[in-house]
PDB file of all heavy atoms in Angstrom:
ATOM      1  N   ARG A   1     128.055  53.577  59.719  1.00  0.00           N
ATOM      2  CA  ARG A   1     129.157  52.996  58.955  1.00  0.00           C
ATOM      3  C   ARG A   1     130.313  53.984  58.857  1.00  0.00           C
ATOM      4  O   ARG A   1     130.164  55.100  58.370  1.00  0.00           O
ATOM      5  CB  ARG A   1     128.675  52.585  57.566  1.00  0.00           C
ATOM      6  CG  ARG A   1     127.744  51.376  57.659  1.00  0.00           C
ATOM      7  CD  ARG A   1     127.521  50.736  56.305  1.00  0.00           C
ATOM      8  NE  ARG A   1     126.655  49.573  56.477  1.00  0.00           N
ATOM      9  CZ  ARG A   1     125.409  49.508  56.025  1.00  0.00           C
ATOM     10  NH1 ARG A   1     124.902  50.512  55.355  1.00  0.00           N
ATOM     11  NH2 ARG A   1     124.685  48.428  56.225  1.00  0.00           N
ATOM     12  N   SER A   2     131.458  53.538  59.323  1.00  0.00           N
ATOM     13  CA  SER A   2     132.642  54.399  59.380  1.00  0.00           C
ATOM     14  C   SER A   2     133.861  53.504  59.477  1.00  0.00           C
ATOM     15  O   SER A   2     133.757  52.277  59.366  1.00  0.00           O
ATOM     16  CB  SER A   2     132.564  55.319  60.605  1.00  0.00           C
ATOM     17  OG  SER A   2     132.652  54.547  61.794  1.00  0.00           O
ATOM     18  N   LEU A   3     135.020  54.105  59.701  1.00  0.00           N
ATOM     19  CA  LEU A   3     136.246  53.320  59.827  1.00  0.00           C
ATOM     20  C   LEU A   3     136.220  52.426  61.063  1.00  0.00           C
ATOM     21  O   LEU A   3     137.030  51.530  61.189  1.00  0.00           O
ATOM     22  CB  LEU A   3     137.466  54.237  59.884  1.00  0.00           C
ATOM     23  CG  LEU A   3     137.867  54.883  58.566  1.00  0.00           C
ATOM     24  CD1 LEU A   3     139.069  55.800  58.782  1.00  0.00           C
ATOM     25  CD2 LEU A   3     138.223  53.827  57.529  1.00  0.00           C
ATOM     26  N   ASN A   4     135.297  52.687  61.987  1.00  0.00           N
ATOM     27  CA  ASN A   4     135.229  51.883  63.203  1.00  0.00           C
ATOM     28  C   ASN A   4     134.080  50.885  63.183  1.00  0.00           C
ATOM     29  O   ASN A   4     133.684  50.356  64.208  1.00  0.00           O
ATOM     30  CB  ASN A   4     135.082  52.798  64.425  1.00  0.00           C
ATOM     31  CG  ASN A   4     136.303  53.670  64.596  1.00  0.00           C
ATOM     32  OD1 ASN A   4     137.421  53.200  64.462  1.00  0.00           O
ATOM     33  ND2 ASN A   4     136.097  54.945  64.862  1.00  0.00           N
ATOM     34  N   SER A   5     133.516  50.634  62.011  1.00  0.00           N
ATOM     35  CA  SER A   5     132.387  49.714  61.924  1.00  0.00           C
ATOM     36  C   SER A   5     132.644  48.686  60.842  1.00  0.00           C
ATOM     37  O   SER A   5     133.575  48.803  60.048  1.00  0.00           O
ATOM     38  CB  SER A   5     131.103  50.483  61.607  1.00  0.00           C
ATOM     39  OG  SER A   5     131.110  50.920  60.262  1.00  0.00           O
ATOM     40  N   ASP A   6     131.795  47.668  60.812  1.00  0.00           N
ATOM     41  CA  ASP A   6     131.796  46.725  59.696  1.00  0.00           C
ATOM     42  C   ASP A   6     130.846  47.284  58.647  1.00  0.00           C
ATOM     43  O   ASP A   6     129.640  47.355  58.869  1.00  0.00           O
ATOM     44  CB  ASP A   6     131.324  45.350  60.147  1.00  0.00           C
ATOM     45  CG  ASP A   6     132.355  44.656  61.010  1.00  0.00           C
ATOM     46  OD1 ASP A   6     133.523  44.655  60.612  1.00  0.00           O
ATOM     47  OD2 ASP A   6     131.989  44.124  62.069  1.00  0.00           O
ATOM     48  N   ILE A   7     131.383  47.692  57.504  1.00  0.00           N
ATOM     49  CA  ILE A   7     130.539  48.341  56.501  1.00  0.00           C
ATOM     50  C   ILE A   7     129.941  47.335  55.538  1.00  0.00           C
ATOM     51  O   ILE A   7     129.159  47.695  54.667  1.00  0.00           O
ATOM     52  CB  ILE A   7     131.347  49.386  55.705  1.00  0.00           C
ATOM     53  CG1 ILE A   7     132.493  48.713  54.950  1.00  0.00           C
ATOM     54  CG2 ILE A   7     131.860  50.470  56.616  1.00  0.00           C
ATOM     55  CD1 ILE A   7     133.279  49.679  54.066  1.00  0.00           C
ATOM     56  N   SER A   8     130.304  46.066  55.694  1.00  0.00           N
ATOM     57  CA  SER A   8     129.757  45.037  54.820  1.00  0.00           C
ATOM     58  C   SER A   8     128.233  45.083  54.856  1.00  0.00           C
ATOM     59  O   SER A   8     127.619  45.034  55.910  1.00  0.00           O
ATOM     60  CB  SER A   8     130.261  43.667  55.272  1.00  0.00           C
ATOM     61  OG  SER A   8     129.673  42.659  54.504  1.00  0.00           O
ATOM     62  N   TYR A   9     127.615  45.156  53.696  1.00  0.00           N
ATOM     63  CA  TYR A   9     126.172  45.384  53.614  1.00  0.00           C
ATOM     64  C   TYR A   9     125.415  44.103  53.295  1.00  0.00           C
ATOM     65  O   TYR A   9     124.500  43.725  54.007  1.00  0.00           O
ATOM     66  CB  TYR A   9     125.886  46.439  52.547  1.00  0.00           C
ATOM     67  CG  TYR A   9     124.437  46.845  52.454  1.00  0.00           C
ATOM     68  CD1 TYR A   9     123.861  47.663  53.416  1.00  0.00           C
ATOM     69  CD2 TYR A   9     123.643  46.406  51.403  1.00  0.00           C
ATOM     70  CE1 TYR A   9     122.534  48.042  53.337  1.00  0.00           C
ATOM     71  CE2 TYR A   9     122.315  46.774  51.313  1.00  0.00           C
ATOM     72  CZ  TYR A   9     121.759  47.589  52.282  1.00  0.00           C
ATOM     73  OH  TYR A   9     120.451  47.955  52.189  1.00  0.00           O
ATOM     74  N   PHE A  10     125.821  43.425  52.234  1.00  0.00           N
ATOM     75  CA  PHE A  10     125.078  42.245  51.817  1.00  0.00           C
ATOM     76  C   PHE A  10     125.565  40.976  52.491  1.00  0.00           C
ATOM     77  O   PHE A  10     124.853  39.989  52.535  1.00  0.00           O
ATOM     78  CB  PHE A  10     125.176  42.058  50.298  1.00  0.00           C
ATOM     79  CG  PHE A  10     124.439  43.113  49.532  1.00  0.00           C
ATOM     80  CD1 PHE A  10     125.123  44.017  48.754  1.00  0.00           C
ATOM     81  CD2 PHE A  10     123.059  43.207  49.592  1.00  0.00           C
ATOM     82  CE1 PHE A  10     124.448  44.985  48.041  1.00  0.00           C
ATOM     83  CE2 PHE A  10     122.378  44.169  48.882  1.00  0.00           C
ATOM     84  CZ  PHE A  10     123.072  45.065  48.104  1.00  0.00           C
ATOM     85  N   GLY A  11     126.794  40.975  52.969  1.00  0.00           N
ATOM     86  CA  GLY A  11     127.307  39.790  53.627  1.00  0.00           C
ATOM     87  C   GLY A  11     127.665  38.657  52.685  1.00  0.00           C
ATOM     88  O   GLY A  11     127.782  37.520  53.106  1.00  0.00           O
ATOM     89  N   VAL A  12     127.832  38.958  51.397  1.00  0.00           N
ATOM     90  CA  VAL A  12     128.153  37.880  50.457  1.00  0.00           C
ATOM     91  C   VAL A  12     129.649  37.646  50.367  1.00  0.00           C
ATOM     92  O   VAL A  12     130.083  36.686  49.752  1.00  0.00           O
ATOM     93  CB  VAL A  12     127.594  38.180  49.047  1.00  0.00           C
ATOM     94  CG1 VAL A  12     126.097  38.259  49.091  1.00  0.00           C
ATOM     95  CG2 VAL A  12     128.177  39.460  48.487  1.00  0.00           C
ATOM     96  N   GLY A  13     130.444  38.516  50.974  1.00  0.00           N
ATOM     97  CA  GLY A  13     131.869  38.261  51.055  1.00  0.00           C
ATOM     98  C   GLY A  13     132.676  38.806  49.898  1.00  0.00           C
ATOM     99  O   GLY A  13     132.166  39.164  48.839  1.00  0.00           O
ATOM    100  N   GLY A  14     134.000  38.855  50.131  1.00  0.00           N
ATOM    101  CA  GLY A  14     134.899  39.432  49.154  1.00  0.00           C
ATOM    102  C   GLY A  14     134.946  38.685  47.840  1.00  0.00           C
ATOM    103  O   GLY A  14     135.126  39.282  46.785  1.00  0.00           O
ATOM    104  N   LYS A  15     134.785  37.353  47.879  1.00  0.00           N
ATOM    105  CA  LYS A  15     134.871  36.585  46.630  1.00  0.00           C
ATOM    106  C   LYS A  15     133.737  36.945  45.687  1.00  0.00           C
ATOM    107  O   LYS A  15     133.934  37.146  44.493  1.00  0.00           O
ATOM    108  CB  LYS A  15     134.856  35.091  46.962  1.00  0.00           C
ATOM    109  CG  LYS A  15     136.068  34.632  47.747  1.00  0.00           C
ATOM    110  CD  LYS A  15     135.916  33.207  48.218  1.00  0.00           C
ATOM    111  CE  LYS A  15     134.863  33.060  49.287  1.00  0.00           C
ATOM    112  NZ  LYS A  15     135.163  33.782  50.522  1.00  0.00           N
ATOM    113  N   GLN A  16     132.515  37.023  46.242  1.00  0.00           N
ATOM    114  CA  GLN A  16     131.385  37.390  45.396  1.00  0.00           C
ATOM    115  C   GLN A  16     131.526  38.820  44.894  1.00  0.00           C
ATOM    116  O   GLN A  16     131.154  39.135  43.767  1.00  0.00           O
ATOM    117  CB  GLN A  16     130.064  37.215  46.162  1.00  0.00           C
ATOM    118  CG  GLN A  16     129.627  35.771  46.325  1.00  0.00           C
ATOM    119  CD  GLN A  16     130.460  35.017  47.345  1.00  0.00           C
ATOM    120  OE1 GLN A  16     130.984  35.599  48.276  1.00  0.00           O
ATOM    121  NE2 GLN A  16     130.589  33.720  47.155  1.00  0.00           N
ATOM    122  N   ALA A  17     132.067  39.698  45.740  1.00  0.00           N
ATOM    123  CA  ALA A  17     132.289  41.078  45.321  1.00  0.00           C
ATOM    124  C   ALA A  17     133.282  41.131  44.164  1.00  0.00           C
ATOM    125  O   ALA A  17     133.085  41.869  43.192  1.00  0.00           O
ATOM    126  CB  ALA A  17     132.795  41.909  46.498  1.00  0.00           C
ATOM    127  N   VAL A  18     134.341  40.349  44.268  1.00  0.00           N
ATOM    128  CA  VAL A  18     135.356  40.323  43.209  1.00  0.00           C
ATOM    129  C   VAL A  18     134.744  39.904  41.884  1.00  0.00           C
ATOM    130  O   VAL A  18     134.956  40.551  40.850  1.00  0.00           O
ATOM    131  CB  VAL A  18     136.505  39.360  43.600  1.00  0.00           C
ATOM    132  CG1 VAL A  18     137.332  38.996  42.370  1.00  0.00           C
ATOM    133  CG2 VAL A  18     137.391  40.003  44.654  1.00  0.00           C
ATOM    134  N   PHE A  19     133.963  38.828  41.911  1.00  0.00           N
ATOM    135  CA  PHE A  19     133.433  38.317  40.647  1.00  0.00           C
ATOM    136  C   PHE A  19     132.229  39.112  40.154  1.00  0.00           C
ATOM    137  O   PHE A  19     131.800  38.939  39.022  1.00  0.00           O
ATOM    138  CB  PHE A  19     133.094  36.829  40.782  1.00  0.00           C
ATOM    139  CG  PHE A  19     134.322  35.956  40.839  1.00  0.00           C
ATOM    140  CD1 PHE A  19     134.670  35.275  41.987  1.00  0.00           C
ATOM    141  CD2 PHE A  19     135.153  35.852  39.724  1.00  0.00           C
ATOM    142  CE1 PHE A  19     135.815  34.486  42.030  1.00  0.00           C
ATOM    143  CE2 PHE A  19     136.289  35.065  39.766  1.00  0.00           C
ATOM    144  CZ  PHE A  19     136.625  34.382  40.915  1.00  0.00           C
ATOM    145  N   PHE A  20     131.681  39.978  40.999  1.00  0.00           N
ATOM    146  CA  PHE A  20     130.679  40.923  40.507  1.00  0.00           C
ATOM    147  C   PHE A  20     131.359  42.043  39.738  1.00  0.00           C
ATOM    148  O   PHE A  20     130.865  42.507  38.714  1.00  0.00           O
ATOM    149  CB  PHE A  20     129.877  41.505  41.675  1.00  0.00           C
ATOM    150  CG  PHE A  20     128.856  42.518  41.238  1.00  0.00           C
ATOM    151  CD1 PHE A  20     127.650  42.104  40.691  1.00  0.00           C
ATOM    152  CD2 PHE A  20     129.095  43.878  41.358  1.00  0.00           C
ATOM    153  CE1 PHE A  20     126.708  43.030  40.274  1.00  0.00           C
ATOM    154  CE2 PHE A  20     128.163  44.805  40.952  1.00  0.00           C
ATOM    155  CZ  PHE A  20     126.967  44.383  40.403  1.00  0.00           C
ATOM    156  N   VAL A  21     132.543  42.465  40.221  1.00  0.00           N
ATOM    157  CA  VAL A  21     133.276  43.559  39.587  1.00  0.00           C
ATOM    158  C   VAL A  21     134.053  43.065  38.375  1.00  0.00           C
ATOM    159  O   VAL A  21     134.124  43.751  37.345  1.00  0.00           O
ATOM    160  CB  VAL A  21     134.241  44.216  40.600  1.00  0.00           C
ATOM    161  CG1 VAL A  21     135.107  45.266  39.931  1.00  0.00           C
ATOM    162  CG2 VAL A  21     133.454  44.832  41.747  1.00  0.00           C
ATOM    163  N   GLY A  22     134.679  41.894  38.465  1.00  0.00           N
ATOM    164  CA  GLY A  22     135.559  41.437  37.398  1.00  0.00           C
ATOM    165  C   GLY A  22     135.557  39.938  37.240  1.00  0.00           C
ATOM    166  O   GLY A  22     134.639  39.242  37.667  1.00  0.00           O
ATOM    167  N   GLN A  23     136.626  39.429  36.642  1.00  0.00           N
ATOM    168  CA  GLN A  23     136.706  38.015  36.275  1.00  0.00           C
ATOM    169  C   GLN A  23     137.734  37.222  37.075  1.00  0.00           C
ATOM    170  O   GLN A  23     137.822  36.012  36.927  1.00  0.00           O
ATOM    171  CB  GLN A  23     137.051  37.896  34.778  1.00  0.00           C
ATOM    172  CG  GLN A  23     136.072  38.599  33.855  1.00  0.00           C
ATOM    173  CD  GLN A  23     134.687  37.988  33.917  1.00  0.00           C
ATOM    174  OE1 GLN A  23     134.527  36.783  33.815  1.00  0.00           O
ATOM    175  NE2 GLN A  23     133.675  38.829  34.104  1.00  0.00           N
ATOM    176  N   SER A  24     138.520  37.894  37.893  1.00  0.00           N
ATOM    177  CA  SER A  24     139.539  37.173  38.650  1.00  0.00           C
ATOM    178  C   SER A  24     139.923  37.966  39.894  1.00  0.00           C
ATOM    179  O   SER A  24     139.675  39.170  39.992  1.00  0.00           O
ATOM    180  CB  SER A  24     140.789  36.913  37.795  1.00  0.00           C
ATOM    181  OG  SER A  24     141.407  38.130  37.443  1.00  0.00           O
ATOM    182  N   ALA A  25     140.515  37.266  40.851  1.00  0.00           N
ATOM    183  CA  ALA A  25     141.000  37.881  42.083  1.00  0.00           C
ATOM    184  C   ALA A  25     142.442  37.470  42.299  1.00  0.00           C
ATOM    185  O   ALA A  25     142.806  36.312  42.102  1.00  0.00           O
ATOM    186  CB  ALA A  25     140.150  37.441  43.275  1.00  0.00           C
ATOM    187  N   ARG A  26     143.268  38.432  42.699  1.00  0.00           N
ATOM    188  CA  ARG A  26     144.672  38.149  43.020  1.00  0.00           C
ATOM    189  C   ARG A  26     144.960  38.752  44.387  1.00  0.00           C
ATOM    190  O   ARG A  26     144.910  39.963  44.562  1.00  0.00           O
ATOM    191  CB  ARG A  26     145.594  38.754  41.962  1.00  0.00           C
ATOM    192  CG  ARG A  26     147.078  38.511  42.215  1.00  0.00           C
ATOM    193  CD  ARG A  26     147.915  38.957  41.023  1.00  0.00           C
ATOM    194  NE  ARG A  26     149.334  38.799  41.253  1.00  0.00           N
ATOM    195  CZ  ARG A  26     150.206  39.811  41.254  1.00  0.00           C
ATOM    196  NH1 ARG A  26     149.791  41.039  41.009  1.00  0.00           N
ATOM    197  NH2 ARG A  26     151.476  39.597  41.484  1.00  0.00           N
ATOM    198  N   MET A  27     145.222  37.874  45.356  1.00  0.00           N
ATOM    199  CA  MET A  27     145.496  38.302  46.726  1.00  0.00           C
ATOM    200  C   MET A  27     146.990  38.127  46.987  1.00  0.00           C
ATOM    201  O   MET A  27     147.527  37.017  46.840  1.00  0.00           O
ATOM    202  CB  MET A  27     144.711  37.450  47.717  1.00  0.00           C
ATOM    203  CG  MET A  27     143.206  37.519  47.557  1.00  0.00           C
ATOM    204  SD  MET A  27     142.487  38.912  48.413  1.00  0.00           S
ATOM    205  CE  MET A  27     142.692  38.397  50.109  1.00  0.00           C
ATOM    206  N   VAL A  28     147.660  39.210  47.346  1.00  0.00           N
ATOM    207  CA  VAL A  28     149.075  39.167  47.699  1.00  0.00           C
ATOM    208  C   VAL A  28     149.200  39.658  49.134  1.00  0.00           C
ATOM    209  O   VAL A  28     148.726  40.747  49.464  1.00  0.00           O
ATOM    210  CB  VAL A  28     149.918  40.052  46.758  1.00  0.00           C
ATOM    211  CG1 VAL A  28     151.392  39.947  47.122  1.00  0.00           C
ATOM    212  CG2 VAL A  28     149.698  39.653  45.308  1.00  0.00           C
TER     213      VAL A  28
END
């Protein structure tokens, strides 16, 4: 795992990661 690899581990995606960390996501 490095800048040249896919470091995603669980494969649950950014949305699940966002709601594990907090309560909302804002994509700009």
